C-alpha cells in the first residue's frame, strides 16, 4: 500500500468499542452538557460544537433532516471557531499522539472531527458506535463483575466503617465513588459525579478486584446517586461484620469527619469568611432537613446547641459540637439503625470492635483468595 493510501485508510479508521481503550488518551468531541452527564474515565472534552450550537443543529435535524443539519453545523463551526477547535485538538494530540476520538454514536461529529484532523496531518482513529457503544460495554462489564463474593461492613454511625473498608486490599469505597458520606450530613463541598460517572468508577473498581470485595453496608441511594440494581441485589444477600464502638469513640470520629475535615475543606476552597458561612450552612441545613423526623421541640433544642457550638469552634473548642451530635446519635441515628437490624436481619459473621472486625475482614479476604 502506498503512503497516501495508508494515510487515507488511517484517517477513516474505526476501532471497536472495548474497555481496553481506556488505557489510551480519549478525546470526547460531544458538547459540554453531554460530557457532564457522563463521560468515559480519563477522557478530555474538546467539543466540535458547544451546547448552543448542538441545540440549534438538533432542532434543524428534527425539522429539516440530516443534510440541512450538517450544512448548519458547518456554517456555525467555521472560520475562527473552527480554527480554535482544531488548535485545541492538535495541542492534545501532540501531547498524546495515540489518542482516540469519539462522539455520541460514532457518527457525524467524530467523523467530521476525524476528517478535519486528517487534513491537518493528524490521522486519528475513532470509536465505532462512540460513547453509546462504550457505555454498553460498561453496563455489560458491571453486570458480569457484580457476582463475586461480597462482605459488608455494618455498624452504627461513627464506627469508621469507611476507614475499615479502605484498610483492606479488597475494599470498594462506595461513598468515595459517590463523593458523599451517605447521611443527611454527608454532602461533599465539591460537586459529586453524575450517576453514569459513579457507575463507571464502580465498574473499574470491580474489574480490579475479580475475586472478592468488601463494601460498607449502605442503603441503595448514597445522596442523590443509586447503587446499580444488580450490585445492590448482591449486597442485600451478602453476609456482614458489625462494628460496635462506644459513643465517645464514635463522637471523636464524627467530629473529625463532619466538623474538622469539612470545615478545613470549605476554608481551603472558599477562604475563611465565605468558607465558614458555607460550612455552617451545610450543617444547619442538614439538621433542618431532619426536622419532620426529629419533631419541632427536639429540632429546636439541637439547633440551639449547634449554633452555640459554631461560636465555640471559632474559639478552638471543637468538642462543643458534642452537645448536639451526641443526642442526635442517641435519639435518632442509633434507634433507627437498631430498628433496621431487627427488621432486616442478615447473615452476620462477626460482631466486635473496630480492630477485631478488621482482622475478621482480612481473614475473609484470604479465604476468598484461596
Protein backbone atom coordinates (compact mmCIF):
# COMPACT_ATOMS: atom_id res chain seq x y z
CA UNK A 1 0.00 0.00 0.00
CA UNK A 2 1.33 3.46 -0.89
CA UNK A 3 1.89 6.04 1.86
CA UNK A 4 -1.04 8.21 0.73
CA UNK A 5 -3.28 5.13 0.63
CA UNK A 6 -2.21 4.27 4.18
CA UNK A 7 -2.95 7.83 5.27
CA UNK A 8 -6.44 7.71 3.77
CA UNK A 9 -7.14 4.37 5.48
CA UNK A 10 -5.93 5.63 8.86
CA UNK A 11 -7.85 8.90 8.56
CA UNK A 12 -11.10 6.93 8.49
CA UNK A 13 -10.04 4.19 10.91
CA UNK A 14 -12.72 2.80 13.22
CA UNK A 15 -11.91 0.91 16.43
CA UNK A 16 -14.44 -1.40 18.05
CA UNK A 17 -15.71 -0.31 21.46
CA UNK A 18 -13.71 -2.06 24.18
CA UNK A 19 -12.86 -1.03 27.74
CA UNK A 20 -9.20 -1.69 26.90
CA UNK A 21 -9.38 1.65 25.06
CA UNK A 22 -9.45 3.35 28.47
CA UNK A 23 -5.70 2.75 28.54
CA UNK A 24 -5.35 5.23 25.67
CA UNK A 25 -5.89 9.01 25.72
CA UNK A 26 -9.50 9.74 24.76
CA UNK A 27 -10.87 12.91 23.17
CA UNK A 28 -14.62 13.37 23.61
CA UNK A 29 -15.98 15.73 20.92
CA UNK A 30 -19.52 15.82 22.31
CA UNK A 31 -20.95 19.04 23.69
CA UNK A 32 -20.07 20.00 27.30
CA UNK A 33 -23.60 19.27 28.55
CA UNK A 34 -23.31 15.70 27.26
CA UNK A 35 -19.87 15.26 28.77
CA UNK A 36 -21.09 16.48 32.18
CA UNK A 37 -23.92 13.95 32.15
CA UNK A 38 -21.47 11.06 31.83
CA UNK A 39 -18.05 10.56 30.29
CA UNK A 40 -15.51 7.82 29.75
CA UNK A 41 -12.99 7.74 32.62
CA UNK A 42 -9.92 9.80 31.81
CA UNK A 43 -11.39 11.40 28.68
CA UNK A 44 -10.95 15.10 27.95
CA UNK A 45 -13.77 17.15 26.45
CA UNK A 46 -12.78 19.10 23.32
CA UNK A 47 -16.15 19.56 21.63
CA UNK A 48 -16.83 20.01 17.95
CA UNK A 49 -19.87 22.12 18.87
CA UNK A 50 -20.73 23.96 22.06
CA UNK A 51 -24.09 23.45 23.80
CA UNK A 52 -25.92 26.20 21.91
CA UNK A 53 -24.61 25.09 18.51
CA UNK A 54 -25.55 21.48 19.25
CA UNK A 55 -29.08 22.56 20.20
CA UNK A 56 -29.52 24.56 17.01
CA UNK A 57 -28.25 21.71 14.85
CA UNK A 58 -30.52 19.25 16.68
CA UNK A 59 -33.56 21.40 16.02
CA UNK A 60 -32.59 21.72 12.34
CA UNK A 61 -32.12 17.93 12.08
CA UNK A 62 -35.56 17.32 13.58
CA UNK A 63 -37.35 19.68 11.21
CA UNK A 64 -35.26 19.57 8.01
CA UNK A 65 -33.20 16.38 8.06
CA UNK A 66 -29.53 15.44 8.18
CA UNK A 67 -28.22 17.31 5.13
CA UNK A 68 -29.65 20.59 6.34
CA UNK A 69 -28.34 19.97 9.85
CA UNK A 70 -24.84 19.26 8.54
CA UNK A 71 -24.94 22.45 6.45
CA UNK A 72 -25.90 24.47 9.53
CA UNK A 73 -23.20 22.81 11.61
CA UNK A 74 -20.55 23.65 9.03
CA UNK A 75 -21.74 27.25 8.99
CA UNK A 76 -21.77 27.55 12.80
CA UNK A 77 -18.35 25.96 13.23
CA UNK A 78 -16.30 27.82 10.65
CA UNK A 79 -13.64 30.47 10.43
CA UNK A 80 -12.15 31.38 13.79
CA UNK A 81 -14.24 28.91 15.80
CA UNK A 82 -13.19 26.04 13.53
CA UNK A 83 -9.53 27.03 13.84
CA UNK A 84 -9.77 27.33 17.61
CA UNK A 85 -11.20 23.83 17.94
CA UNK A 86 -8.64 22.36 15.59
CA UNK A 87 -5.89 24.08 17.58
CA UNK A 88 -7.19 22.54 20.82
CA UNK A 89 -7.29 19.07 19.25
CA UNK A 90 -3.81 19.48 17.78
CA UNK A 91 -2.40 20.52 21.14
CA UNK A 92 -3.93 17.47 22.84
CA UNK A 93 -2.69 15.12 20.11
CA UNK A 94 0.85 16.49 20.25
CA UNK A 95 0.86 15.68 23.97
CA UNK A 96 -0.70 12.24 23.37
CA UNK A 97 -0.20 11.02 19.77
CA UNK A 98 -2.01 7.70 20.38
CA UNK A 99 -5.30 9.47 21.18
CA UNK A 100 -8.70 8.15 20.07
CA UNK A 101 -11.73 10.35 19.39
CA UNK A 102 -15.41 9.65 19.86
CA UNK A 103 -18.81 11.33 19.84
CA UNK A 104 -22.19 10.03 21.00
CA UNK A 105 -22.81 7.28 18.43
CA UNK A 106 -19.54 7.43 16.49
CA UNK A 107 -21.32 9.18 13.67
CA UNK A 108 -21.16 12.62 12.09
CA UNK A 109 -19.39 14.64 14.78
CA UNK A 110 -16.46 12.30 15.32
CA UNK A 111 -16.31 11.56 11.59
CA UNK A 112 -16.09 15.28 10.76
CA UNK A 113 -13.52 15.81 13.53
CA UNK A 114 -11.50 12.87 12.24
CA UNK A 115 -11.57 14.23 8.70
CA UNK A 116 -10.53 17.74 9.71
CA UNK A 117 -7.64 16.33 11.74
CA UNK A 118 -6.53 14.06 8.88
CA UNK A 119 -6.41 17.10 6.60
CA UNK A 120 -4.01 18.71 9.11
CA UNK A 121 -1.81 15.62 9.20
CA UNK A 122 -3.23 14.03 12.36
CA UNK A 123 -4.96 10.80 11.30
CA UNK A 124 -6.68 9.56 14.47
CA UNK A 125 -8.95 6.55 14.89
CA UNK A 126 -12.47 6.94 16.22
CA UNK A 127 -14.60 4.53 18.23
CA UNK A 128 -17.22 2.60 16.28
CA UNK A 129 -20.53 3.30 17.96
CA UNK A 130 -18.97 6.09 20.04
CA UNK A 131 -19.83 6.79 23.64
CA UNK A 132 -23.04 4.80 23.44
CA UNK A 133 -21.20 1.60 22.45
CA UNK A 134 -18.65 2.13 25.23
CA UNK A 135 -21.46 2.74 27.72
CA UNK A 136 -22.97 -0.61 26.68
CA UNK A 137 -19.61 -2.28 27.36
CA UNK A 138 -19.56 -0.70 30.82
CA UNK A 139 -23.04 -1.96 31.62
CA UNK A 140 -22.19 -5.47 30.44
CA UNK A 141 -18.98 -5.46 32.47
CA UNK A 142 -20.72 -4.16 35.58
CA UNK A 143 -23.32 -6.92 35.33
CA UNK A 144 -20.66 -9.59 34.84
CA UNK A 145 -18.38 -8.35 37.62
CA UNK A 146 -21.09 -7.86 40.23
CA UNK A 147 -21.23 -11.57 41.03
CA UNK A 148 -18.01 -12.10 43.04
CA UNK A 149 -18.23 -12.84 46.81
CA UNK A 150 -19.09 -9.78 48.87
CA UNK A 151 -18.74 -8.85 52.54
CA UNK A 152 -20.48 -5.87 54.15
CA UNK A 153 -19.15 -3.72 56.97
CA UNK A 154 -22.07 -2.62 59.15
CA UNK A 155 -22.30 -0.60 62.32
CA UNK A 156 -23.72 2.48 63.99
CA UNK A 157 -22.93 5.97 62.71
CA UNK A 158 -19.40 6.98 63.60
CA UNK A 159 -17.87 3.49 63.70
CA UNK A 160 -15.32 4.40 60.98
CA UNK A 161 -16.68 1.80 58.57
CA UNK A 162 -15.29 3.63 55.53
CA UNK A 163 -11.82 3.71 57.10
CA UNK A 164 -12.06 -0.05 57.69
CA UNK A 165 -13.07 -0.68 54.07
CA UNK A 166 -10.17 1.44 52.83
CA UNK A 167 -7.75 -0.52 55.02
CA UNK A 168 -8.46 -3.68 53.01
CA UNK A 169 -6.92 -4.78 49.73
CA UNK A 170 -10.39 -5.78 48.52
CA UNK A 171 -12.19 -2.69 49.80
CA UNK A 172 -14.51 -0.77 47.48
CA UNK A 173 -15.37 2.69 48.81
CA UNK A 174 -18.90 3.33 47.57
CA UNK A 175 -19.13 6.65 49.42
CA UNK A 176 -15.81 7.68 47.92
CA UNK A 177 -17.10 6.93 44.43
CA UNK A 178 -20.28 8.90 45.20
CA UNK A 179 -18.34 11.72 46.91
CA UNK A 180 -20.95 11.60 49.66
CA UNK A 181 -20.94 10.09 53.15
CA UNK A 182 -24.42 8.69 52.82
CA UNK A 183 -26.23 10.56 55.61
CA UNK A 184 -28.08 13.87 55.65
CA UNK A 185 -24.78 15.45 56.73
CA UNK A 186 -22.69 13.64 54.14
CA UNK A 187 -22.67 16.07 51.21
CA UNK A 188 -19.16 16.87 49.99
CA UNK A 189 -18.26 20.53 49.30
CA UNK A 190 -17.25 19.57 45.77
CA UNK A 191 -19.96 18.52 43.34
CA UNK A 192 -20.44 14.77 43.14
CA UNK A 193 -20.26 12.70 39.96
CA UNK A 194 -23.17 12.03 37.64
CA UNK A 195 -24.95 8.70 38.01
CA UNK A 196 -23.17 7.44 34.91
CA UNK A 197 -19.72 8.51 36.13
CA UNK A 198 -20.44 6.89 39.51
CA UNK A 199 -21.28 3.62 37.77
CA UNK A 200 -18.18 3.81 35.56
CA UNK A 201 -15.90 4.33 38.55
CA UNK A 202 -17.53 1.42 40.41
CA UNK A 203 -17.16 -0.81 37.36
CA UNK A 204 -13.42 -0.16 37.14
CA UNK A 205 -13.04 -0.95 40.84
CA UNK A 206 -14.92 -4.23 40.45
CA UNK A 207 -12.73 -5.15 37.49
CA UNK A 208 -9.69 -4.51 39.70
CA UNK A 209 -11.00 -6.97 42.30
CA UNK A 210 -12.34 -10.01 40.46
CA UNK A 211 -12.32 -12.46 43.40
CA UNK A 212 -13.78 -10.69 46.44
CA UNK A 213 -14.96 -7.26 47.62
CA UNK A 214 -15.69 -5.59 50.92
CA UNK A 215 -18.06 -2.62 50.98
CA UNK A 216 -19.84 -0.56 53.60
CA UNK A 217 -23.43 -1.50 54.35
CA UNK A 218 -25.43 1.19 52.57
CA UNK A 219 -28.96 1.97 51.53
CA UNK A 220 -29.44 1.81 47.77
CA UNK A 221 -29.13 5.59 47.48
CA UNK A 222 -25.98 7.41 48.53
CA UNK A 223 -27.03 11.03 48.45
CA UNK A 224 -28.66 11.53 45.04
CA UNK A 225 -26.93 8.53 43.44
CA UNK A 226 -28.19 4.95 43.27
CA UNK A 227 -26.13 1.80 43.63
CA UNK A 228 -26.68 -0.17 40.37
CA UNK A 229 -29.53 -2.67 40.72
CA UNK A 230 -27.54 -5.87 40.10
CA UNK A 231 -24.82 -4.96 42.59
CA UNK A 232 -27.47 -3.84 45.10
CA UNK A 233 -29.16 -7.25 44.92
CA UNK A 234 -25.82 -8.90 45.71
CA UNK A 235 -25.36 -6.52 48.64
CA UNK A 236 -28.78 -7.35 50.10
CA UNK A 237 -27.91 -11.06 50.25
CA UNK A 238 -24.30 -10.65 51.44
CA UNK A 239 -23.03 -11.52 54.93
CA UNK A 240 -21.72 -8.77 57.16
CA UNK A 241 -19.46 -7.95 60.04
CA UNK A 242 -20.76 -5.38 62.53
CA UNK A 243 -18.54 -2.82 64.22
CA UNK A 244 -19.57 -1.77 67.73
CA UNK A 245 -17.75 1.09 69.43
CA UNK A 246 -18.55 3.30 72.47
CA UNK A 247 -20.34 6.60 71.95
CA UNK A 248 -17.28 8.67 72.98
CA UNK A 249 -15.12 6.92 70.34
CA UNK A 250 -17.76 7.45 67.68
CA UNK A 251 -18.15 11.13 68.54
CA UNK A 252 -14.42 11.61 68.02
CA UNK A 253 -14.70 10.09 64.53
CA UNK A 254 -17.72 12.22 63.66
CA UNK A 255 -16.07 15.41 64.87
CA UNK A 256 -13.11 14.69 62.65
CA UNK A 257 -15.16 13.77 59.54
CA UNK A 258 -18.10 16.16 59.74
CA UNK A 259 -16.64 19.11 61.66
CA UNK A 260 -12.86 19.44 61.45
CA UNK A 261 -12.23 17.97 57.97
CA UNK A 262 -15.36 19.54 56.47
CA UNK A 263 -14.54 22.96 57.90
CA UNK A 264 -10.96 22.72 56.63
CA UNK A 265 -12.12 21.91 53.09
CA UNK A 266 -14.54 24.84 52.99
CA UNK A 267 -11.93 27.25 54.39
CA UNK A 268 -9.32 26.00 51.93
CA UNK A 269 -11.56 26.25 48.85
CA UNK A 270 -13.56 29.39 49.69
CA UNK A 271 -11.45 31.37 52.14
CA UNK A 272 -12.02 31.94 55.88
CA UNK A 273 -15.15 34.11 55.67
CA UNK A 274 -17.19 32.52 52.87
CA UNK A 275 -15.87 29.08 53.82
CA UNK A 276 -17.20 29.49 57.37
CA UNK A 277 -20.58 30.67 56.06
CA UNK A 278 -20.90 27.68 53.71
CA UNK A 279 -19.69 25.23 56.37
CA UNK A 280 -22.33 26.40 58.83
CA UNK A 281 -24.98 26.47 56.12
CA UNK A 282 -24.33 22.83 55.22
CA UNK A 283 -24.54 21.53 58.79
CA UNK A 284 -27.51 23.68 59.83
CA UNK A 285 -29.34 22.82 56.60
CA UNK A 286 -28.73 19.10 57.11
CA UNK A 287 -30.13 19.28 60.63
CA UNK A 288 -33.14 21.23 59.41
CA UNK A 289 -33.87 18.57 56.76
CA UNK A 290 -34.34 16.06 59.58
CA UNK A 291 -36.97 18.30 61.15
CA UNK A 292 -40.03 16.18 60.36
CA UNK A 293 -38.43 13.07 61.81
CA UNK A 294 -36.95 14.83 64.85
CA UNK A 295 -40.04 16.80 65.77
CA UNK A 296 -40.24 20.52 66.40
CA UNK A 297 -39.18 20.57 70.04
CA UNK A 298 -36.13 18.33 69.56
CA UNK A 299 -35.10 20.16 66.37
CA UNK A 300 -35.19 23.49 68.21
CA UNK A 301 -33.07 22.07 71.06
CA UNK A 302 -30.46 20.60 68.74
CA UNK A 303 -30.38 23.70 66.52
CA UNK A 304 -29.70 25.93 69.52
CA UNK A 305 -26.88 23.62 70.66
CA UNK A 306 -25.45 23.56 67.14
CA UNK A 307 -25.38 27.36 66.90
CA UNK A 308 -23.59 27.61 70.25
CA UNK A 309 -21.08 25.04 69.01
CA UNK A 310 -20.31 27.11 65.90
CA UNK A 311 -19.37 30.04 68.15
CA UNK A 312 -17.29 27.83 70.44
CA UNK A 313 -15.50 26.29 67.47
CA UNK A 314 -14.29 29.74 66.38
CA UNK A 315 -12.55 29.90 69.77
CA UNK A 316 -10.92 26.48 69.34
CA UNK A 317 -13.48 24.32 71.13
CA UNK A 318 -14.48 21.68 68.56
CA UNK A 319 -15.79 19.35 71.28
CA UNK A 320 -18.66 21.79 71.85
CA UNK A 321 -20.35 20.09 68.89
CA UNK A 322 -20.88 17.01 71.09
CA UNK A 323 -23.78 18.90 72.68
CA UNK A 324 -25.86 18.33 69.56
CA UNK A 325 -24.07 15.36 67.97
CA UNK A 326 -24.42 13.06 70.99
CA UNK A 327 -28.21 13.43 71.37
CA UNK A 328 -28.62 13.20 67.60
CA UNK A 329 -26.89 9.82 67.69
CA UNK A 330 -28.63 8.54 70.85
CA UNK A 331 -32.13 9.76 69.98
CA UNK A 332 -32.23 9.46 66.18
CA UNK A 333 -29.50 7.59 64.30
CA UNK A 334 -28.86 4.75 66.76
CA UNK A 335 -32.54 3.78 67.27
CA UNK A 336 -33.12 3.95 63.51
CA UNK A 337 -30.16 1.64 62.83
CA UNK A 338 -31.14 -0.85 65.55
CA UNK A 339 -34.64 -0.95 64.11
CA UNK A 340 -33.17 -1.85 60.72
CA UNK A 341 -31.14 -4.67 62.28
CA UNK A 342 -34.23 -6.10 63.95
CA UNK A 343 -36.46 -5.94 60.89
CA UNK A 344 -33.88 -6.67 58.16
CA UNK A 345 -31.65 -9.38 59.63
CA UNK A 346 -28.69 -10.57 57.52
CA UNK A 347 -26.06 -13.28 58.00
CA UNK A 348 -23.52 -11.88 60.46
CA UNK A 349 -20.02 -13.37 60.60
CA UNK A 350 -18.75 -11.29 63.50
CA UNK A 351 -19.74 -8.53 65.93
CA UNK A 352 -16.95 -6.69 67.71
CA UNK A 353 -14.76 -3.63 67.98
CA UNK A 354 -13.06 -1.96 65.02
CA UNK A 355 -9.77 -3.86 65.29
CA UNK A 356 -11.42 -7.28 65.60
CA UNK A 357 -13.68 -6.55 62.62
CA UNK A 358 -10.65 -5.55 60.56
CA UNK A 359 -8.96 -8.83 61.47
CA UNK A 360 -12.05 -10.86 60.51
CA UNK A 361 -12.35 -8.98 57.20
CA UNK A 362 -8.71 -9.69 56.38
CA UNK A 363 -9.18 -13.36 57.18
CA UNK A 364 -12.23 -13.41 54.91
CA UNK A 365 -10.11 -11.87 52.14
CA UNK A 366 -7.50 -14.61 52.49
CA UNK A 367 -10.14 -17.34 52.41
CA UNK A 368 -11.72 -15.95 49.23
CA UNK A 369 -8.32 -15.72 47.58
CA UNK A 370 -7.97 -19.48 48.15
